[in-house]
Protein backbone atom coordinates (compact mmCIF):
# COMPACT_ATOMS: atom_id res chain seq x y z
CA MET A 1 0.00 0.00 0.00
CA ILE A 2 1.23 3.48 -0.89
CA ILE A 3 -0.24 6.39 1.05
CA SER A 4 -0.04 10.14 0.53
CA GLN A 5 1.78 12.67 2.67
CA LYS A 6 -1.49 13.80 4.28
CA THR A 7 -2.32 10.21 5.20
CA ILE A 8 1.18 9.79 6.64
CA GLU A 9 0.62 12.88 8.80
CA LYS A 10 -2.67 11.50 10.12
CA LEU A 11 -1.11 8.08 10.74
CA ARG A 12 1.72 9.77 12.63
CA LEU A 13 -0.81 11.45 14.92
CA LEU A 14 -2.60 8.17 15.49
CA ILE A 15 0.62 6.41 16.45
CA ASN A 16 2.08 9.20 18.58
CA GLU A 17 -0.99 10.54 20.33
CA GLU A 18 -4.46 9.42 19.39
CA THR A 19 -4.40 5.64 19.94
CA GLU A 20 -1.84 5.91 22.73
CA LYS A 21 0.59 8.58 23.87
CA ARG A 22 3.84 6.84 22.96
CA SER A 23 7.15 8.03 24.37
CA GLY A 24 10.43 7.90 22.42
CA PRO A 25 11.38 4.44 23.77
CA LYS A 26 7.89 3.12 23.03
CA LEU A 27 8.08 4.39 19.46
CA VAL A 28 11.41 2.63 18.96
CA THR A 29 9.89 -0.63 20.24
CA PHE A 30 6.83 -0.11 18.04
CA PHE A 31 8.75 0.40 14.81
CA ASN A 32 11.35 -2.27 15.51
CA ASN A 33 8.50 -4.74 14.97
CA TYR A 34 8.66 -3.82 11.27
CA GLY A 35 12.30 -4.48 10.48
CA PHE A 36 14.14 -1.58 12.13
CA THR A 37 16.89 -2.05 14.70
CA ASP A 38 16.85 1.37 16.38
CA SER A 39 17.73 2.17 19.97
CA TYR A 40 16.72 5.12 22.11
CA GLY A 41 19.39 7.42 23.47
CA ALA A 42 21.15 10.76 23.18
CA GLY A 43 20.47 12.56 19.93
CA PHE A 44 17.06 10.94 19.43
CA PRO A 45 14.96 13.24 17.20
CA SER A 46 11.55 14.64 18.12
CA ARG A 47 8.79 12.05 18.24
CA TRP A 48 6.92 13.48 15.24
CA MET A 49 10.11 13.55 13.13
CA TYR A 50 11.06 10.00 14.07
CA THR A 51 7.61 8.57 13.40
CA GLU A 52 7.17 10.38 10.10
CA SER A 53 10.61 9.25 8.94
CA LYS A 54 9.80 5.61 9.72
CA LEU A 55 6.43 5.77 7.99
CA LYS A 56 8.04 7.19 4.85
CA GLN A 57 10.52 4.31 4.86
CA LEU A 58 7.69 1.78 5.24
CA ASN A 59 5.46 3.40 2.63
CA GLY A 60 4.76 1.00 -0.23
CA LYS A 61 6.04 -2.02 1.68
CA PRO A 62 4.04 -4.91 3.23
CA GLU A 63 5.30 -3.79 6.65
CA LEU A 64 3.16 -0.64 6.39
CA ASP A 65 0.02 -2.76 6.08
CA LYS A 66 1.06 -4.78 9.13
CA CYS A 67 1.84 -1.58 11.04
CA ILE A 68 -1.66 -0.21 10.39
CA LYS A 69 -3.34 -3.51 11.29
CA ASP A 70 -1.37 -3.71 14.54
CA LEU A 71 -2.20 -0.11 15.38
CA PHE A 72 -5.93 -0.80 15.14
CA ALA A 73 -5.82 -4.32 16.59
CA PRO A 74 -9.06 -4.76 18.62
CA ILE A 75 -7.22 -6.53 21.43
CA ASN A 76 -5.69 -3.15 22.29
CA PHE A 77 -9.16 -1.60 22.63
CA ILE A 78 -10.96 -4.01 24.93
CA SER A 79 -14.00 -2.21 26.40
CA ARG A 80 -13.27 0.67 23.99
CA PHE A 81 -14.49 -0.69 20.66
CA SER A 82 -16.63 2.39 19.96
CA GLU A 83 -13.48 4.50 20.29
CA LEU A 84 -11.64 2.14 17.93
CA ASP A 85 -14.39 2.38 15.31
CA LYS A 86 -14.30 6.18 15.48
CA LEU A 87 -10.51 6.21 15.03
CA ILE A 88 -10.83 3.91 12.02
CA SER A 89 -13.60 6.04 10.54
CA ASP A 90 -11.53 9.21 10.92
CA PHE A 91 -8.47 7.57 9.33
CA ASN A 92 -10.56 6.20 6.45
CA GLN A 93 -11.38 9.77 5.42
CA TYR A 94 -7.70 10.15 4.53
CA LEU A 95 -7.05 6.60 3.36
CA SER A 96 -9.93 6.71 0.87
CA PHE A 97 -7.99 9.28 -1.15
CA ASP A 98 -5.29 6.61 -1.54
CA GLY A 99 -7.86 4.12 -2.81
CA TRP A 100 -8.20 2.04 0.37
CA GLN A 101 -10.45 1.57 3.39
CA ILE A 102 -9.93 -0.22 6.70
CA VAL A 103 -12.69 -2.63 7.69
CA ARG A 104 -13.13 -4.12 11.16
CA GLN A 105 -14.98 -7.41 11.24
CA GLY A 106 -15.11 -8.46 14.86
CA GLN A 107 -11.53 -8.99 15.95
CA ASN A 108 -10.13 -8.85 12.41
CA ILE A 109 -8.78 -5.78 10.63
CA THR A 110 -8.70 -5.96 6.84
CA PHE A 111 -8.27 -3.65 3.87
CA GLN A 112 -10.57 -3.23 0.90
CA LYS A 113 -10.53 -1.05 -2.18
CA ALA A 114 -12.28 2.26 -1.62
CA LYS A 115 -15.26 2.96 -3.82
CA GLY A 116 -13.94 6.42 -4.47
CA VAL A 117 -14.25 9.81 -2.87
CA ASP A 118 -17.51 11.53 -3.74
CA ILE A 119 -16.84 15.24 -3.88
CA ASP A 120 -19.92 16.96 -5.22
CA ASN A 121 -19.46 20.38 -6.83
CA GLU A 122 -22.57 21.76 -5.17
CA LYS A 123 -21.28 20.63 -1.79
CA SER A 124 -17.95 22.32 -2.51
CA LYS A 125 -19.78 25.54 -3.30
CA GLU A 126 -21.76 25.18 -0.10
CA VAL A 127 -18.55 24.79 1.92
CA GLN A 128 -17.08 27.90 0.30
CA THR A 129 -20.28 29.84 1.06
CA ASN A 130 -20.33 28.67 4.66
CA GLU A 131 -16.69 29.65 5.02
CA ALA A 132 -17.39 33.14 3.69
CA GLU A 133 -20.34 33.52 6.06
CA PHE A 134 -18.23 32.31 8.97
CA LEU A 135 -15.51 34.85 8.19
CA LYS A 136 -18.06 37.67 7.96
CA ALA A 137 -19.62 36.91 11.35
CA GLU A 138 -19.06 39.64 13.94
CA PHE A 139 -18.19 38.77 17.52
CA ASN A 140 -18.36 42.07 19.38
CA ASP A 141 -18.27 42.86 23.09
CA ILE A 142 -16.36 39.72 24.01
CA SER A 143 -15.03 40.11 27.52
CA ILE A 144 -11.97 38.00 28.26
CA SER A 145 -12.49 38.63 31.95
CA SER A 146 -15.88 36.88 31.84
CA LEU A 147 -14.45 33.59 30.59
CA PRO A 148 -14.81 30.65 33.01
CA VAL A 149 -11.05 30.29 33.57
CA ASP A 150 -8.68 31.03 36.43
CA SER A 151 -8.61 34.80 36.95
CA CYS A 152 -4.80 34.90 37.03
CA LEU A 153 -4.81 33.70 33.40
CA ILE A 154 -6.89 36.65 32.14
CA PRO A 155 -4.13 39.30 31.70
CA TYR A 156 -1.99 36.82 29.75
CA LEU A 157 -4.90 36.02 27.44
CA GLU A 158 -5.58 39.71 26.85
CA THR A 159 -1.93 40.32 25.99
CA ARG A 160 -1.96 37.40 23.56
CA ILE A 161 -5.11 38.62 21.80
CA GLU A 162 -3.52 42.02 21.27
CA GLU A 163 -0.31 40.44 19.96
CA ILE A 164 -2.33 38.27 17.55
CA ARG A 165 -3.97 41.42 16.16
CA GLN A 166 -0.54 43.00 15.70
CA CYS A 167 0.75 39.93 13.84
CA LEU A 168 -2.25 39.99 11.52
CA SER A 169 -1.83 43.71 10.86
CA VAL A 170 1.69 43.13 9.50
CA LYS A 171 0.72 39.85 7.78
CA ALA A 172 2.90 37.72 10.05
CA SER A 173 0.59 34.78 9.37
CA LEU A 174 2.76 31.97 10.73
CA SER A 175 3.35 33.78 14.05
CA ALA A 176 -0.35 34.61 14.33
CA ILE A 177 -1.36 30.98 13.80
CA PHE A 178 1.03 29.69 16.46
CA LEU A 179 -0.32 32.24 18.96
CA ILE A 180 -3.94 31.50 18.04
CA GLY A 181 -3.57 27.74 18.41
CA SER A 182 -1.78 27.88 21.75
CA THR A 183 -4.17 30.55 23.07
CA LEU A 184 -7.24 28.52 22.15
CA GLU A 185 -5.73 25.43 23.72
CA GLY A 186 -4.94 27.37 26.90
CA ILE A 187 -8.48 28.73 27.11
CA LEU A 188 -10.07 25.32 26.60
CA LEU A 189 -7.72 23.83 29.19
CA GLY A 190 -8.85 26.56 31.58
CA VAL A 191 -12.52 25.81 30.89
CA ALA A 192 -11.98 22.06 31.29
CA SER A 193 -10.13 22.64 34.57
CA LYS A 194 -13.16 24.55 35.87
CA HIS A 195 -15.54 21.75 34.80
CA PRO A 196 -13.55 18.49 35.18
CA ALA A 197 -16.55 16.29 35.95
CA ILE A 198 -18.38 17.39 32.79
CA TYR A 199 -15.34 17.05 30.53
CA ASN A 200 -14.18 13.68 31.88
CA LYS A 201 -17.60 12.10 31.37
CA ALA A 202 -17.82 12.99 27.67
CA ASN A 203 -17.95 10.16 25.12
CA SER A 204 -15.08 11.69 23.12
CA VAL A 205 -12.75 12.03 26.11
CA PRO A 206 -9.24 10.62 25.34
CA ILE A 207 -8.63 7.48 27.38
CA ASP A 208 -5.37 6.36 28.97
CA LYS A 209 -4.79 2.87 27.59
CA LYS A 210 -3.04 1.63 30.74
CA THR A 211 -5.57 2.82 33.32
CA GLY A 212 -8.72 2.82 31.20
CA LYS A 213 -9.47 6.27 32.65
CA PRO A 214 -9.55 9.72 31.02
CA ARG A 215 -6.12 11.16 30.35
CA ASN A 216 -4.95 14.09 32.43
CA PHE A 217 -5.80 17.41 30.81
CA SER A 218 -2.08 18.09 30.38
CA GLU A 219 -1.96 15.15 27.93
CA TRP A 220 -4.88 16.31 25.77
CA THR A 221 -4.31 17.69 22.28
CA LEU A 222 -6.03 20.75 20.89
CA ASN A 223 -8.29 18.45 18.88
CA ASN A 224 -9.27 16.62 22.08
CA PHE A 225 -10.25 19.89 23.73
CA ILE A 226 -12.24 21.01 20.69
CA ASP A 227 -14.11 17.70 20.31
CA VAL A 228 -15.03 17.43 23.99
CA SER A 229 -15.89 21.14 24.31
CA TYR A 230 -18.26 20.69 21.37
CA GLU A 231 -19.81 17.59 22.90
CA VAL A 232 -20.47 19.25 26.29
CA GLY A 233 -21.83 22.42 24.70
CA PHE A 234 -19.11 25.05 25.15
CA LEU A 235 -18.44 25.13 21.40
CA LYS A 236 -20.82 24.85 18.47
CA GLU A 237 -20.65 23.08 15.13
CA ASP A 238 -19.12 25.99 13.19
CA VAL A 239 -16.05 26.24 15.44
CA LYS A 240 -15.60 22.47 15.42
CA LYS A 241 -15.99 22.44 11.63
CA PHE A 242 -13.46 25.18 10.88
CA SER A 243 -10.98 24.18 13.59
CA HIS A 244 -9.14 22.05 10.97
CA ALA A 245 -7.13 25.20 10.16
CA LEU A 246 -5.54 24.96 13.61
CA ARG A 247 -4.88 21.23 13.71
CA ASP A 248 -1.34 20.14 14.28
CA PHE A 249 0.06 23.63 13.59
CA ARG A 250 2.25 23.36 16.69
CA ASN A 251 4.43 20.86 14.87
CA TYR A 252 5.25 23.50 12.29
CA ILE A 253 7.13 25.48 14.92
CA HIS A 254 9.95 23.14 13.91
CA PRO A 255 11.44 24.40 10.61
CA TYR A 256 12.26 20.89 9.41
CA GLN A 257 8.63 19.83 9.76
CA GLN A 258 7.49 22.94 7.94
CA MET A 259 10.00 22.23 5.18
CA SER A 260 8.98 18.57 4.82
CA ILE A 261 5.30 19.49 4.43
CA GLY A 262 5.85 22.70 2.48
CA PHE A 263 3.56 24.55 4.87
CA GLN A 264 3.23 28.21 3.86
CA PRO A 265 0.20 29.76 5.59
CA ASP A 266 -1.28 32.86 4.02
CA GLU A 267 -3.33 35.72 5.41
CA HIS A 268 -6.58 33.92 4.59
CA THR A 269 -5.58 30.89 6.69
CA ALA A 270 -4.59 33.15 9.57
CA ARG A 271 -7.92 35.00 9.36
CA ILE A 272 -9.85 31.74 9.53
CA CYS A 273 -7.82 30.71 12.57
CA PHE A 274 -8.45 34.02 14.32
CA GLN A 275 -12.16 33.79 13.52
CA VAL A 276 -12.20 30.32 15.09
CA LEU A 277 -10.64 31.78 18.23
CA LYS A 278 -13.06 34.71 18.39
CA ALA A 279 -16.06 32.47 17.79
CA ALA A 280 -14.84 30.08 20.49
CA LEU A 281 -14.47 32.94 22.97
CA TYR A 282 -17.98 34.15 22.19
CA GLN A 283 -19.55 30.71 22.48
CA ILE A 284 -17.76 29.89 25.73
CA GLU A 285 -18.85 33.21 27.20
CA GLN A 286 -22.48 32.67 26.14
CA LYS A 287 -22.48 29.12 27.52
CA SER A 288 -21.09 30.28 30.87
CA LYS A 289 -23.95 32.80 31.15
CA SER A 290 -26.67 30.24 30.50
């Protein structure tokens, strides 16, 4: 099986974070099952760089198929099969563009040819229209101080919002996106910390494989916070829908990752990201008042 760069990126996330948070030594053990003889020690690269490098070396080889099957092996998801099926469904959205789909039949994971990706022109137009409407939406009178987060965090958030505006004004899109992503993650962490019982009972909560319990908030990704915040009502569908512009942007802080992907964000991307942040602030504030 040969997969695209986008599919490799998604698979990297699944291996490193989404199926299990794997440390450097665990990643070495994982990939050594597929013909590598690596060891963990001084000079080990970042986890995302190591995993992506290994996946590129496996791409097109039978070992890649085995790697994917092992990753989604049902025995690793006992009592969490609904979570497994969701992970497979999410990955299939990428894999279908490579002509393949993963199918789980009980305890067996198999591959089958995808029937094709149905991208309707009218739907594409609808997405573009919705995006334009989302960008035009006004979110006035948002008070950072009224957010349900620790009060000592407020002045730092206000400073960040002002710095984001300055970055956008000089078209420093990459800097703006990094600030936006980390600020949104910090806000959602603050909200979750104020409502731990609500967040930890959500169906989409990330589970620690060893304990079978929700992961500590410090181990959640931005996507985790967005998905759970949507489920418990602090965010609405539009923010969840357009949050893709913020996904995984933290990795691009590393120049080598940016170079390998060819990531060059423009002003439009930065504006979408900022609109996501503003909409999130507005929706969190409105929810906290209800």
